[in-house]
Amino acid sequence: MPTTSSPDRRLTYADFLQFPDDGLRHELIDGVHYVTPSPVTRHQVLVGRLHFALELYLRAHPGSGQVFLAPLDVVLSNWDVVEPDLLLIAANQPDILTAKNVQGPPALVIEVLSPGTRSRDRRLKRDLFERAGVREYWLVDPEANTVTVYRRSMSDGFGRPQVLPGDELLATPLLPGFGLSLRELFA
């Protein structure tokens, strides 16, 4: 549920740093505070499988980048601080990774949809990641067993999304040779 301190004042990263460490996921999108409860088991299984597949690839291809799990703050602006389920910092982005957080758009952001975040992930976060310059955004839908891939096109934004059903292979030009069977992901 979104909250702000007053209707005419957007919250900032300084405000964000004052939020309690209560085990919930706190995010700012355009200065509006969103709180998300802990995810369900299926969500965590999918996040774990995705992380494992990406980490295996990165270990086999040293210097390709780094993958991170939530919680890790991604600071996109003074009014936009999110904690994606997974994110990939590409090899050519080492300057955005700091000891405390990520300062700028990751190459790849992955969100596993849940009932409480589905609408926000599909609209608000998609728009935010597009504006911020994220190269790819994956929405993993555990109900439909699909992955929707938004990929930056030659223009300034995401191109037409690609919806991959559960029998496809998930691949990305960000990681040449990476492939994950969606049948295995959703098993």
N, C-alpha and C. Protein backbone atom coordinates (compact mmCIF):
# COMPACT_ATOMS: atom_id res chain seq x y z
N MET A 1 0.84 -1.17 0.00
CA MET A 1 0.00 0.00 0.00
C MET A 1 0.89 1.24 0.00
N PRO A 2 0.63 2.20 -0.90
CA PRO A 2 1.45 3.39 -0.96
C PRO A 2 1.16 4.35 0.19
N THR A 3 2.21 5.00 0.67
CA THR A 3 2.06 6.03 1.69
C THR A 3 3.03 7.16 1.38
N THR A 4 2.63 8.38 1.70
CA THR A 4 3.53 9.53 1.63
C THR A 4 3.34 10.32 2.90
N SER A 5 4.32 11.16 3.24
CA SER A 5 4.22 11.95 4.46
C SER A 5 3.17 13.04 4.33
N SER A 6 2.97 13.57 3.15
CA SER A 6 1.90 14.52 2.86
C SER A 6 1.65 14.49 1.36
N PRO A 7 0.44 14.90 0.92
CA PRO A 7 0.11 14.76 -0.49
C PRO A 7 1.00 15.60 -1.42
N ASP A 8 1.61 16.67 -0.92
CA ASP A 8 2.40 17.54 -1.78
C ASP A 8 3.91 17.33 -1.65
N ARG A 9 4.35 16.33 -0.93
CA ARG A 9 5.78 16.12 -0.73
C ARG A 9 6.17 14.69 -1.07
N ARG A 10 7.03 14.55 -2.07
CA ARG A 10 7.54 13.22 -2.41
C ARG A 10 8.62 12.84 -1.41
N LEU A 11 8.64 11.57 -1.04
CA LEU A 11 9.70 11.07 -0.17
C LEU A 11 10.98 10.92 -0.97
N THR A 12 12.11 11.03 -0.28
CA THR A 12 13.42 10.97 -0.93
C THR A 12 14.21 9.79 -0.39
N TYR A 13 15.38 9.59 -0.97
CA TYR A 13 16.28 8.54 -0.49
C TYR A 13 16.65 8.76 0.97
N ALA A 14 16.81 10.00 1.40
CA ALA A 14 17.10 10.29 2.81
C ALA A 14 15.96 9.80 3.70
N ASP A 15 14.71 9.99 3.26
CA ASP A 15 13.56 9.47 4.00
C ASP A 15 13.59 7.94 4.01
N PHE A 16 13.91 7.37 2.88
CA PHE A 16 13.96 5.92 2.73
C PHE A 16 14.92 5.30 3.75
N LEU A 17 16.05 5.95 3.96
CA LEU A 17 17.04 5.43 4.90
C LEU A 17 16.53 5.42 6.35
N GLN A 18 15.46 6.13 6.62
CA GLN A 18 14.88 6.18 7.97
C GLN A 18 13.80 5.12 8.19
N PHE A 19 13.42 4.40 7.14
CA PHE A 19 12.39 3.38 7.28
C PHE A 19 12.88 2.28 8.22
N PRO A 20 11.98 1.63 8.95
CA PRO A 20 12.40 0.59 9.90
C PRO A 20 12.94 -0.65 9.20
N ASP A 21 13.84 -1.34 9.89
CA ASP A 21 14.34 -2.63 9.41
C ASP A 21 13.41 -3.69 9.99
N ASP A 22 12.26 -3.88 9.34
CA ASP A 22 11.19 -4.71 9.89
C ASP A 22 10.96 -6.00 9.12
N GLY A 23 11.86 -6.34 8.20
CA GLY A 23 11.71 -7.58 7.44
C GLY A 23 10.79 -7.45 6.24
N LEU A 24 10.19 -6.29 6.03
CA LEU A 24 9.35 -6.06 4.87
C LEU A 24 10.16 -5.35 3.80
N ARG A 25 9.70 -5.43 2.57
CA ARG A 25 10.40 -4.76 1.47
C ARG A 25 9.81 -3.36 1.30
N HIS A 26 10.66 -2.36 1.51
CA HIS A 26 10.26 -0.97 1.36
C HIS A 26 10.85 -0.45 0.05
N GLU A 27 10.03 0.26 -0.72
CA GLU A 27 10.49 0.83 -1.98
C GLU A 27 9.88 2.21 -2.16
N LEU A 28 10.58 3.05 -2.91
CA LEU A 28 10.07 4.35 -3.33
C LEU A 28 9.96 4.34 -4.85
N ILE A 29 8.81 4.73 -5.34
CA ILE A 29 8.63 4.90 -6.77
C ILE A 29 7.99 6.27 -6.95
N ASP A 30 8.73 7.17 -7.58
CA ASP A 30 8.32 8.56 -7.74
C ASP A 30 7.95 9.20 -6.40
N GLY A 31 8.73 8.86 -5.37
CA GLY A 31 8.54 9.46 -4.06
C GLY A 31 7.40 8.88 -3.24
N VAL A 32 6.75 7.85 -3.75
CA VAL A 32 5.66 7.19 -3.03
C VAL A 32 6.21 5.92 -2.38
N HIS A 33 5.90 5.73 -1.12
CA HIS A 33 6.40 4.60 -0.33
C HIS A 33 5.49 3.39 -0.52
N TYR A 34 6.09 2.26 -0.90
CA TYR A 34 5.37 1.01 -1.04
C TYR A 34 6.00 -0.01 -0.10
N VAL A 35 5.15 -0.79 0.56
CA VAL A 35 5.62 -1.83 1.47
C VAL A 35 5.04 -3.16 0.99
N THR A 36 5.91 -4.16 0.90
CA THR A 36 5.50 -5.47 0.42
C THR A 36 5.84 -6.51 1.48
N PRO A 37 4.89 -7.36 1.83
CA PRO A 37 5.19 -8.41 2.82
C PRO A 37 6.12 -9.47 2.24
N SER A 38 6.59 -10.35 3.09
CA SER A 38 7.47 -11.43 2.66
C SER A 38 6.79 -12.26 1.57
N PRO A 39 7.58 -12.76 0.61
CA PRO A 39 7.00 -13.55 -0.48
C PRO A 39 6.61 -14.95 -0.04
N VAL A 40 5.80 -15.59 -0.88
CA VAL A 40 5.35 -16.96 -0.61
C VAL A 40 6.40 -17.96 -1.10
N THR A 41 6.22 -19.21 -0.73
CA THR A 41 7.19 -20.26 -1.03
C THR A 41 7.47 -20.40 -2.53
N ARG A 42 6.44 -20.46 -3.36
CA ARG A 42 6.63 -20.64 -4.81
C ARG A 42 7.47 -19.50 -5.39
N HIS A 43 7.20 -18.30 -4.94
CA HIS A 43 7.99 -17.14 -5.37
C HIS A 43 9.47 -17.37 -5.07
N GLN A 44 9.78 -17.82 -3.87
CA GLN A 44 11.16 -18.00 -3.47
C GLN A 44 11.83 -19.15 -4.23
N VAL A 45 11.08 -20.19 -4.53
CA VAL A 45 11.62 -21.30 -5.32
C VAL A 45 12.04 -20.78 -6.70
N LEU A 46 11.17 -19.99 -7.33
CA LEU A 46 11.49 -19.46 -8.66
C LEU A 46 12.67 -18.50 -8.62
N VAL A 47 12.72 -17.64 -7.63
CA VAL A 47 13.85 -16.72 -7.47
C VAL A 47 15.14 -17.53 -7.30
N GLY A 48 15.09 -18.57 -6.49
CA GLY A 48 16.26 -19.41 -6.26
C GLY A 48 16.74 -20.10 -7.52
N ARG A 49 15.81 -20.63 -8.31
CA ARG A 49 16.18 -21.31 -9.55
C ARG A 49 16.79 -20.34 -10.56
N LEU A 50 16.21 -19.15 -10.66
CA LEU A 50 16.75 -18.14 -11.57
C LEU A 50 18.15 -17.71 -11.14
N HIS A 51 18.30 -17.47 -9.85
CA HIS A 51 19.62 -17.07 -9.33
C HIS A 51 20.65 -18.15 -9.60
N PHE A 52 20.29 -19.40 -9.35
CA PHE A 52 21.20 -20.52 -9.55
C PHE A 52 21.64 -20.61 -11.01
N ALA A 53 20.68 -20.49 -11.94
CA ALA A 53 21.00 -20.58 -13.37
C ALA A 53 21.91 -19.43 -13.79
N LEU A 54 21.62 -18.23 -13.35
CA LEU A 54 22.45 -17.08 -13.71
C LEU A 54 23.83 -17.19 -13.08
N GLU A 55 23.89 -17.62 -11.83
CA GLU A 55 25.19 -17.76 -11.15
C GLU A 55 26.04 -18.83 -11.82
N LEU A 56 25.44 -19.94 -12.21
CA LEU A 56 26.20 -20.98 -12.93
C LEU A 56 26.80 -20.42 -14.22
N TYR A 57 26.00 -19.68 -14.96
CA TYR A 57 26.49 -19.07 -16.19
C TYR A 57 27.66 -18.13 -15.89
N LEU A 58 27.50 -17.27 -14.90
CA LEU A 58 28.53 -16.27 -14.58
C LEU A 58 29.82 -16.93 -14.10
N ARG A 59 29.71 -18.04 -13.39
CA ARG A 59 30.92 -18.75 -12.96
C ARG A 59 31.64 -19.38 -14.15
N ALA A 60 30.88 -19.83 -15.13
CA ALA A 60 31.48 -20.43 -16.32
C ALA A 60 32.01 -19.36 -17.28
N HIS A 61 31.58 -18.12 -17.09
CA HIS A 61 31.99 -17.01 -17.96
C HIS A 61 32.48 -15.85 -17.09
N PRO A 62 33.63 -16.02 -16.43
CA PRO A 62 34.14 -14.96 -15.55
C PRO A 62 34.25 -13.63 -16.28
N GLY A 63 33.93 -12.59 -15.56
CA GLY A 63 34.01 -11.25 -16.14
C GLY A 63 32.77 -10.83 -16.89
N SER A 64 31.71 -11.65 -16.85
CA SER A 64 30.47 -11.32 -17.57
C SER A 64 29.55 -10.42 -16.76
N GLY A 65 29.72 -10.38 -15.45
CA GLY A 65 28.87 -9.57 -14.60
C GLY A 65 28.65 -10.22 -13.26
N GLN A 66 27.73 -9.65 -12.50
CA GLN A 66 27.39 -10.16 -11.17
C GLN A 66 25.87 -10.17 -11.01
N VAL A 67 25.35 -11.21 -10.36
CA VAL A 67 23.92 -11.31 -10.09
C VAL A 67 23.70 -11.15 -8.59
N PHE A 68 22.62 -10.45 -8.23
CA PHE A 68 22.30 -10.19 -6.83
C PHE A 68 20.84 -10.50 -6.55
N LEU A 69 20.59 -10.97 -5.33
CA LEU A 69 19.25 -11.24 -4.82
C LEU A 69 18.77 -10.10 -3.93
N ALA A 70 17.47 -9.92 -3.83
CA ALA A 70 16.91 -8.98 -2.87
C ALA A 70 17.19 -9.52 -1.47
N PRO A 71 17.33 -8.68 -0.50
CA PRO A 71 17.23 -7.23 -0.59
C PRO A 71 18.56 -6.57 -0.92
N LEU A 72 18.54 -5.72 -1.92
CA LEU A 72 19.66 -4.86 -2.25
C LEU A 72 19.05 -3.61 -2.89
N ASP A 73 19.30 -2.46 -2.29
CA ASP A 73 18.73 -1.22 -2.79
C ASP A 73 19.30 -0.86 -4.15
N VAL A 74 18.41 -0.52 -5.06
CA VAL A 74 18.79 0.01 -6.37
C VAL A 74 18.29 1.44 -6.40
N VAL A 75 19.21 2.38 -6.35
CA VAL A 75 18.88 3.80 -6.31
C VAL A 75 18.92 4.33 -7.73
N LEU A 76 17.74 4.64 -8.26
CA LEU A 76 17.64 5.13 -9.64
C LEU A 76 17.52 6.64 -9.70
N SER A 77 17.05 7.24 -8.63
CA SER A 77 16.99 8.70 -8.50
C SER A 77 16.77 8.99 -7.02
N ASN A 78 16.71 10.24 -6.67
CA ASN A 78 16.45 10.61 -5.28
C ASN A 78 15.06 10.18 -4.82
N TRP A 79 14.15 9.92 -5.77
CA TRP A 79 12.77 9.54 -5.45
C TRP A 79 12.43 8.11 -5.85
N ASP A 80 13.41 7.38 -6.35
CA ASP A 80 13.16 6.02 -6.84
C ASP A 80 14.21 5.06 -6.30
N VAL A 81 13.79 4.25 -5.32
CA VAL A 81 14.66 3.25 -4.71
C VAL A 81 13.87 1.95 -4.66
N VAL A 82 14.34 0.93 -5.36
CA VAL A 82 13.62 -0.34 -5.42
C VAL A 82 14.53 -1.49 -5.00
N GLU A 83 13.90 -2.62 -4.73
CA GLU A 83 14.61 -3.85 -4.36
C GLU A 83 14.08 -4.99 -5.22
N PRO A 84 14.59 -5.08 -6.45
CA PRO A 84 14.12 -6.17 -7.33
C PRO A 84 14.46 -7.53 -6.76
N ASP A 85 13.70 -8.54 -7.17
CA ASP A 85 13.97 -9.91 -6.73
C ASP A 85 15.38 -10.33 -7.13
N LEU A 86 15.75 -10.04 -8.37
CA LEU A 86 17.09 -10.35 -8.89
C LEU A 86 17.53 -9.21 -9.80
N LEU A 87 18.83 -9.00 -9.84
CA LEU A 87 19.36 -8.02 -10.77
C LEU A 87 20.74 -8.43 -11.22
N LEU A 88 21.05 -8.05 -12.44
CA LEU A 88 22.35 -8.35 -13.02
C LEU A 88 23.07 -7.05 -13.32
N ILE A 89 24.28 -6.95 -12.79
CA ILE A 89 25.17 -5.85 -13.13
C ILE A 89 26.12 -6.40 -14.20
N ALA A 90 26.07 -5.82 -15.39
CA ALA A 90 26.90 -6.30 -16.49
C ALA A 90 28.36 -5.91 -16.27
N ALA A 91 29.24 -6.57 -16.97
CA ALA A 91 30.68 -6.33 -16.84
C ALA A 91 31.05 -4.88 -17.11
N ASN A 92 30.30 -4.21 -17.98
CA ASN A 92 30.62 -2.83 -18.31
C ASN A 92 29.94 -1.81 -17.40
N GLN A 93 29.42 -2.27 -16.25
CA GLN A 93 28.75 -1.39 -15.31
C GLN A 93 29.36 -1.38 -13.91
N PRO A 94 30.62 -1.65 -13.71
CA PRO A 94 31.14 -1.79 -12.34
C PRO A 94 31.00 -0.51 -11.51
N ASP A 95 30.92 0.63 -12.16
CA ASP A 95 30.85 1.89 -11.44
C ASP A 95 29.51 2.11 -10.73
N ILE A 96 28.45 1.37 -11.08
CA ILE A 96 27.17 1.57 -10.39
C ILE A 96 27.06 0.74 -9.12
N LEU A 97 27.98 -0.18 -8.91
CA LEU A 97 27.94 -1.04 -7.73
C LEU A 97 28.80 -0.42 -6.63
N THR A 98 28.17 -0.13 -5.49
CA THR A 98 28.88 0.41 -4.35
C THR A 98 28.82 -0.60 -3.21
N ALA A 99 29.50 -0.32 -2.12
CA ALA A 99 29.49 -1.22 -0.96
C ALA A 99 28.10 -1.29 -0.33
N LYS A 100 27.29 -0.25 -0.47
CA LYS A 100 25.98 -0.19 0.18
C LYS A 100 24.81 -0.52 -0.73
N ASN A 101 24.94 -0.23 -2.05
CA ASN A 101 23.79 -0.36 -2.92
C ASN A 101 24.22 -0.29 -4.38
N VAL A 102 23.23 -0.24 -5.25
CA VAL A 102 23.46 -0.06 -6.68
C VAL A 102 23.00 1.36 -7.00
N GLN A 103 23.85 2.12 -7.66
CA GLN A 103 23.56 3.52 -7.99
C GLN A 103 23.39 3.67 -9.49
N GLY A 104 22.22 3.30 -9.98
CA GLY A 104 21.94 3.39 -11.41
C GLY A 104 21.23 2.15 -11.89
N PRO A 105 20.87 2.15 -13.18
CA PRO A 105 20.08 1.03 -13.71
C PRO A 105 20.92 -0.21 -13.96
N PRO A 106 20.54 -1.34 -13.37
CA PRO A 106 21.19 -2.62 -13.70
C PRO A 106 20.93 -2.97 -15.16
N ALA A 107 21.73 -3.86 -15.70
CA ALA A 107 21.51 -4.32 -17.08
C ALA A 107 20.21 -5.11 -17.16
N LEU A 108 19.96 -5.96 -16.16
CA LEU A 108 18.79 -6.83 -16.14
C LEU A 108 18.13 -6.77 -14.78
N VAL A 109 16.82 -6.63 -14.77
CA VAL A 109 16.04 -6.68 -13.54
C VAL A 109 14.99 -7.78 -13.73
N ILE A 110 14.83 -8.61 -12.68
CA ILE A 110 13.86 -9.70 -12.72
C ILE A 110 12.93 -9.59 -11.52
N GLU A 111 11.64 -9.62 -11.78
CA GLU A 111 10.63 -9.66 -10.73
C GLU A 111 9.77 -10.89 -10.93
N VAL A 112 9.54 -11.63 -9.85
CA VAL A 112 8.60 -12.74 -9.85
C VAL A 112 7.29 -12.17 -9.32
N LEU A 113 6.24 -12.26 -10.12
CA LEU A 113 4.96 -11.67 -9.75
C LEU A 113 4.33 -12.39 -8.56
N SER A 114 3.72 -11.60 -7.69
CA SER A 114 2.92 -12.15 -6.61
C SER A 114 1.64 -11.33 -6.53
N PRO A 115 0.62 -11.85 -5.88
CA PRO A 115 -0.66 -11.14 -5.86
C PRO A 115 -0.54 -9.68 -5.39
N GLY A 116 0.31 -9.43 -4.40
CA GLY A 116 0.43 -8.07 -3.86
C GLY A 116 1.26 -7.13 -4.71
N THR A 117 2.05 -7.65 -5.66
CA THR A 117 2.93 -6.78 -6.43
C THR A 117 2.67 -6.83 -7.93
N ARG A 118 1.80 -7.71 -8.36
CA ARG A 118 1.57 -7.96 -9.79
C ARG A 118 1.32 -6.66 -10.57
N SER A 119 0.38 -5.87 -10.13
CA SER A 119 0.03 -4.64 -10.84
C SER A 119 1.18 -3.64 -10.81
N ARG A 120 1.81 -3.48 -9.68
CA ARG A 120 2.93 -2.54 -9.54
C ARG A 120 4.10 -2.96 -10.43
N ASP A 121 4.43 -4.26 -10.43
CA ASP A 121 5.54 -4.75 -11.25
C ASP A 121 5.26 -4.56 -12.74
N ARG A 122 4.02 -4.78 -13.15
CA ARG A 122 3.67 -4.70 -14.57
C ARG A 122 3.57 -3.27 -15.09
N ARG A 123 3.22 -2.34 -14.22
CA ARG A 123 3.01 -0.97 -14.69
C ARG A 123 4.04 0.00 -14.14
N LEU A 124 3.97 0.28 -12.86
CA LEU A 124 4.85 1.29 -12.26
C LEU A 124 6.32 0.95 -12.42
N LYS A 125 6.70 -0.26 -12.06
CA LYS A 125 8.11 -0.64 -12.15
C LYS A 125 8.56 -0.77 -13.60
N ARG A 126 7.73 -1.30 -14.45
CA ARG A 126 8.10 -1.39 -15.86
C ARG A 126 8.39 0.00 -16.41
N ASP A 127 7.51 0.94 -16.13
CA ASP A 127 7.72 2.32 -16.60
C ASP A 127 8.98 2.93 -15.99
N LEU A 128 9.19 2.69 -14.69
CA LEU A 128 10.39 3.21 -14.02
C LEU A 128 11.65 2.64 -14.64
N PHE A 129 11.70 1.33 -14.84
CA PHE A 129 12.89 0.70 -15.40
C PHE A 129 13.14 1.15 -16.83
N GLU A 130 12.08 1.37 -17.57
CA GLU A 130 12.24 1.86 -18.94
C GLU A 130 12.84 3.27 -18.92
N ARG A 131 12.29 4.16 -18.09
CA ARG A 131 12.81 5.53 -17.98
C ARG A 131 14.25 5.56 -17.50
N ALA A 132 14.58 4.67 -16.56
CA ALA A 132 15.90 4.68 -15.93
C ALA A 132 16.99 4.13 -16.83
N GLY A 133 16.63 3.34 -17.85
CA GLY A 133 17.62 2.80 -18.77
C GLY A 133 18.00 1.35 -18.54
N VAL A 134 17.18 0.61 -17.80
CA VAL A 134 17.41 -0.83 -17.65
C VAL A 134 17.36 -1.46 -19.04
N ARG A 135 18.29 -2.35 -19.34
CA ARG A 135 18.36 -2.94 -20.68
C ARG A 135 17.31 -4.03 -20.90
N GLU A 136 17.08 -4.84 -19.85
CA GLU A 136 16.06 -5.89 -19.93
C GLU A 136 15.33 -5.99 -18.60
N TYR A 137 14.04 -6.30 -18.71
CA TYR A 137 13.19 -6.49 -17.53
C TYR A 137 12.38 -7.75 -17.76
N TRP A 138 12.54 -8.73 -16.85
CA TRP A 138 11.81 -9.99 -16.95
C TRP A 138 10.75 -10.03 -15.87
N LEU A 139 9.52 -10.35 -16.27
CA LEU A 139 8.42 -10.57 -15.33
C LEU A 139 8.07 -12.06 -15.37
N VAL A 140 8.32 -12.72 -14.27
CA VAL A 140 8.07 -14.16 -14.16
C VAL A 140 6.71 -14.34 -13.52
N ASP A 141 5.80 -15.00 -14.22
CA ASP A 141 4.44 -15.19 -13.73
C ASP A 141 4.24 -16.65 -13.30
N PRO A 142 4.24 -16.90 -11.98
CA PRO A 142 4.09 -18.28 -11.50
C PRO A 142 2.68 -18.84 -11.68
N GLU A 143 1.69 -17.99 -11.92
CA GLU A 143 0.34 -18.48 -12.14
C GLU A 143 0.16 -18.96 -13.58
N ALA A 144 0.70 -18.21 -14.53
CA ALA A 144 0.55 -18.55 -15.95
C ALA A 144 1.73 -19.38 -16.48
N ASN A 145 2.78 -19.53 -15.65
CA ASN A 145 4.01 -20.22 -16.09
C ASN A 145 4.56 -19.59 -17.36
N THR A 146 4.69 -18.27 -17.33
CA THR A 146 5.25 -17.52 -18.45
C THR A 146 6.30 -16.53 -17.94
N VAL A 147 7.14 -16.10 -18.85
CA VAL A 147 8.08 -15.00 -18.57
C VAL A 147 7.86 -13.96 -19.65
N THR A 148 7.59 -12.74 -19.24
CA THR A 148 7.47 -11.62 -20.17
C THR A 148 8.79 -10.88 -20.17
N VAL A 149 9.37 -10.72 -21.35
CA VAL A 149 10.68 -10.08 -21.49
C VAL A 149 10.50 -8.73 -22.17
N TYR A 150 10.91 -7.68 -21.47
CA TYR A 150 10.98 -6.34 -22.05
C TYR A 150 12.45 -6.08 -22.34
N ARG A 151 12.75 -5.76 -23.57
CA ARG A 151 14.14 -5.54 -23.98
C ARG A 151 14.23 -4.17 -24.62
N ARG A 152 15.24 -3.43 -24.25
CA ARG A 152 15.47 -2.10 -24.83
C ARG A 152 15.68 -2.24 -26.32
N SER A 153 14.93 -1.46 -27.07
CA SER A 153 15.04 -1.52 -28.53
C SER A 153 16.00 -0.43 -29.00
N MET A 154 16.12 -0.30 -30.29
CA MET A 154 17.00 0.72 -30.85
C MET A 154 16.52 2.12 -30.49
N SER A 155 15.23 2.26 -30.24
CA SER A 155 14.72 3.54 -29.78
C SER A 155 15.09 3.69 -28.31
N ASP A 156 14.54 4.65 -27.66
CA ASP A 156 14.95 4.95 -26.30
C ASP A 156 14.25 4.09 -25.24
N GLY A 157 13.30 3.28 -25.61
CA GLY A 157 12.54 2.54 -24.61
C GLY A 157 12.50 1.05 -24.89
N PHE A 158 11.67 0.37 -24.11
CA PHE A 158 11.48 -1.06 -24.31
C PHE A 158 10.70 -1.27 -25.60
N GLY A 159 11.08 -2.30 -26.32
CA GLY A 159 10.32 -2.69 -27.50
C GLY A 159 9.09 -3.47 -27.08
N ARG A 160 8.45 -4.05 -28.04
CA ARG A 160 7.26 -4.87 -27.78
C ARG A 160 7.66 -6.05 -26.89
N PRO A 161 6.91 -6.32 -25.82
CA PRO A 161 7.28 -7.42 -24.93
C PRO A 161 7.15 -8.77 -25.61
N GLN A 162 8.00 -9.69 -25.20
CA GLN A 162 7.95 -11.06 -25.68
C GLN A 162 7.47 -11.92 -24.53
N VAL A 163 6.36 -12.63 -24.71
CA VAL A 163 5.81 -13.50 -23.69
C VAL A 163 6.20 -14.93 -24.03
N LEU A 164 7.01 -15.53 -23.14
CA LEU A 164 7.49 -16.89 -23.36
C LEU A 164 6.66 -17.87 -22.54
N PRO A 165 6.03 -18.84 -23.19
CA PRO A 165 5.29 -19.86 -22.44
C PRO A 165 6.25 -20.85 -21.79
N GLY A 166 5.70 -21.69 -20.92
CA GLY A 166 6.48 -22.61 -20.11
C GLY A 166 7.27 -23.67 -20.84
N ASP A 167 7.15 -23.78 -22.17
CA ASP A 167 7.93 -24.79 -22.90
C ASP A 167 9.05 -24.15 -23.73
N GLU A 168 9.32 -22.87 -23.52
CA GLU A 168 10.35 -22.15 -24.27
C GLU A 168 11.69 -22.17 -23.54
N LEU A 169 12.70 -21.62 -24.20
CA LEU A 169 14.02 -21.44 -23.61
C LEU A 169 14.20 -19.94 -23.36
N LEU A 170 14.54 -19.58 -22.15
CA LEU A 170 14.78 -18.18 -21.80
C LEU A 170 16.24 -17.86 -22.08
N ALA A 171 16.48 -16.87 -22.92
CA ALA A 171 17.83 -16.47 -23.30
C ALA A 171 17.90 -14.96 -23.33
N THR A 172 19.12 -14.42 -23.35
CA THR A 172 19.30 -12.98 -23.40
C THR A 172 20.60 -12.64 -24.12
N PRO A 173 20.58 -11.59 -24.95
CA PRO A 173 21.82 -11.16 -25.57
C PRO A 173 22.82 -10.57 -24.56
N LEU A 174 22.36 -10.26 -23.36
CA LEU A 174 23.25 -9.75 -22.32
C LEU A 174 24.25 -10.82 -21.88
N LEU A 175 23.85 -12.10 -22.01
CA LEU A 175 24.68 -13.22 -21.59
C LEU A 175 24.72 -14.25 -22.73
N PRO A 176 25.58 -14.03 -23.72
CA PRO A 176 25.62 -14.93 -24.88
C PRO A 176 25.83 -16.39 -24.46
N GLY A 177 24.94 -17.24 -24.95
CA GLY A 177 25.02 -18.66 -24.63
C GLY A 177 24.20 -19.06 -23.41
N PHE A 178 23.66 -18.10 -22.68
CA PHE A 178 22.80 -18.44 -21.53
C PHE A 178 21.47 -18.95 -22.04
N GLY A 179 20.99 -20.01 -21.42
CA GLY A 179 19.67 -20.54 -21.74
C GLY A 179 19.10 -21.27 -20.56
N LEU A 180 17.85 -21.01 -20.26
CA LEU A 180 17.17 -21.66 -19.14
C LEU A 180 15.84 -22.20 -19.65
N SER A 181 15.66 -23.50 -19.50
CA SER A 181 14.40 -24.13 -19.89
C SER A 181 13.30 -23.66 -18.93
N LEU A 182 12.26 -23.06 -19.48
CA LEU A 182 11.15 -22.63 -18.62
C LEU A 182 10.39 -23.83 -18.06
N ARG A 183 10.45 -24.95 -18.76
CA ARG A 183 9.84 -26.17 -18.22
C ARG A 183 10.53 -26.53 -16.88
N GLU A 184 11.88 -26.42 -16.84
CA GLU A 184 12.61 -26.70 -15.60
C GLU A 184 12.37 -25.63 -14.57
N LEU A 185 12.31 -24.36 -15.00
CA LEU A 185 12.06 -23.27 -14.05
C LEU A 185 10.74 -23.46 -13.34
N PHE A 186 9.69 -23.78 -14.09
CA PHE A 186 8.35 -23.86 -13.50
C PHE A 186 7.99 -25.24 -12.98
N ALA A 187 8.91 -26.23 -13.07
CA ALA A 187 8.60 -27.60 -12.63
C ALA A 187 8.20 -27.62 -11.16
